[in-house]
Amino acid sequence: MTPKKTAQRMEEDEQRAIKLRAIIERSGLTIVAALELFNSAPPPLFKPYSLSTWKAFIADPAAARRRPVSELVLERARKVLVPPPKKRNAPAAARAQKVDHER
């Protein structure tokens, strides 16, 4: 593996770790609660992640315990931990127009 590919992979991993940290923060959950929700959400995982592994995913890049975050972990975290956007009500003018048509 060339140094360029290694550096690129490290950068990609760091970006996924940053995204995972942001997802956890946006969820408003603690790291432990986020992990519990991540592990218990359907579809069930073959082997749930440990707290140690979960923390290693978001550890400082220079930390010895750092583990790479896969794209699959990141996708599952997005689906499980990020609430769907709230549906916004139709603007008042559109509602008023709807009422006029119903009369």
Protein backbone atom coordinates (compact mmCIF):
# COMPACT_ATOMS: atom_id res chain seq x y z
CA MET A 1 0.00 0.00 0.00
CA THR A 2 1.41 3.37 -0.95
CA PRO A 3 1.81 6.16 1.61
CA LYS A 4 -0.71 8.25 -0.35
CA LYS A 5 -3.40 5.56 -0.05
CA THR A 6 -2.61 5.09 3.62
CA ALA A 7 -2.91 8.82 4.26
CA GLN A 8 -6.13 8.95 2.25
CA ARG A 9 -7.62 6.05 4.22
CA MET A 10 -6.64 7.66 7.49
CA GLU A 11 -8.29 10.91 6.41
CA GLU A 12 -11.47 9.07 5.35
CA ASP A 13 -11.56 7.26 8.69
CA GLU A 14 -11.11 10.53 10.56
CA GLN A 15 -13.99 12.07 8.60
CA ARG A 16 -16.25 9.12 9.46
CA ALA A 17 -15.25 9.41 13.14
CA ILE A 18 -16.07 13.13 13.11
CA LYS A 19 -19.44 12.36 11.51
CA LEU A 20 -20.17 9.67 14.11
CA ARG A 21 -19.32 12.08 16.93
CA ALA A 22 -21.62 14.69 15.38
CA ILE A 23 -24.47 12.18 15.05
CA ILE A 24 -24.14 11.19 18.70
CA GLU A 25 -24.05 14.84 19.79
CA ARG A 26 -27.05 15.74 17.60
CA SER A 27 -29.04 12.86 19.09
CA GLY A 28 -28.78 14.47 22.52
CA LEU A 29 -27.95 11.09 24.04
CA THR A 30 -25.00 10.10 26.15
CA ILE A 31 -22.39 7.85 24.55
CA VAL A 32 -23.75 4.90 26.55
CA ALA A 33 -27.40 5.60 25.64
CA ALA A 34 -26.49 6.07 21.98
CA LEU A 35 -24.69 2.73 21.98
CA GLU A 36 -27.63 0.96 23.64
CA LEU A 37 -30.02 2.37 21.05
CA PHE A 38 -27.59 1.55 18.22
CA ASN A 39 -27.23 -2.06 19.39
CA SER A 40 -30.92 -2.66 20.10
CA ALA A 41 -32.43 -1.12 16.94
CA PRO A 42 -33.72 -3.39 14.21
CA PRO A 43 -32.41 -5.18 12.29
CA PRO A 44 -30.52 -6.92 15.09
CA LEU A 45 -26.75 -6.97 14.91
CA PHE A 46 -25.00 -10.33 14.71
CA LYS A 47 -22.74 -9.17 17.54
CA PRO A 48 -23.52 -5.92 19.37
CA TYR A 49 -20.68 -3.45 19.84
CA SER A 50 -19.06 -3.06 23.24
CA LEU A 51 -18.72 0.29 24.97
CA SER A 52 -14.94 0.00 24.55
CA THR A 53 -15.27 -0.38 20.77
CA TRP A 54 -17.85 2.43 20.57
CA LYS A 55 -15.49 4.77 22.42
CA ALA A 56 -12.60 3.65 20.19
CA PHE A 57 -14.59 4.69 17.12
CA ILE A 58 -14.76 8.29 18.36
CA ALA A 59 -11.38 8.42 20.13
CA ASP A 60 -8.74 10.99 19.24
CA PRO A 61 -6.91 10.02 16.03
CA ALA A 62 -3.60 9.82 17.88
CA ALA A 63 -4.99 7.54 20.59
CA ALA A 64 -3.70 3.99 20.73
CA ARG A 65 -7.24 2.66 21.22
CA ARG A 66 -8.53 4.28 18.00
CA ARG A 67 -10.49 1.95 15.68
CA PRO A 68 -11.65 2.72 12.15
CA VAL A 69 -15.35 3.46 11.68
CA SER A 70 -16.92 1.57 8.80
CA GLU A 71 -19.41 3.19 6.46
CA LEU A 72 -21.97 0.59 7.62
CA VAL A 73 -21.63 1.72 11.25
CA LEU A 74 -22.01 5.33 10.17
CA GLU A 75 -25.14 4.58 8.11
CA ARG A 76 -26.76 2.62 10.93
CA ALA A 77 -25.98 5.44 13.37
CA ARG A 78 -27.62 7.96 11.03
CA LYS A 79 -30.76 5.83 10.72
CA VAL A 80 -31.03 4.97 14.41
CA LEU A 81 -29.78 8.06 16.23
CA VAL A 82 -30.89 10.96 14.02
CA PRO A 83 -34.59 11.66 14.38
CA PRO A 84 -36.48 12.20 11.12
CA PRO A 85 -37.13 15.85 10.26
CA LYS A 86 -40.41 17.26 11.52
CA LYS A 87 -43.07 17.78 8.90
CA ARG A 88 -43.86 21.42 8.56
CA ASN A 89 -47.43 22.61 8.31
CA ALA A 90 -48.57 24.14 5.05
CA PRO A 91 -48.20 27.92 4.96
CA ALA A 92 -51.21 29.90 6.15
CA ALA A 93 -51.99 31.15 2.63
CA ALA A 94 -52.13 27.59 1.28
CA ARG A 95 -54.42 26.53 4.13
CA ALA A 96 -56.70 29.52 3.53
CA GLN A 97 -56.87 28.70 -0.18
CA LYS A 98 -57.78 25.12 0.66
CA VAL A 99 -60.62 26.31 2.88
CA ASP A 100 -61.96 28.60 0.10
CA HIS A 101 -62.13 25.66 -2.31
CA GLU A 102 -64.04 23.55 0.17
CA ARG A 103 -66.86 26.11 0.47
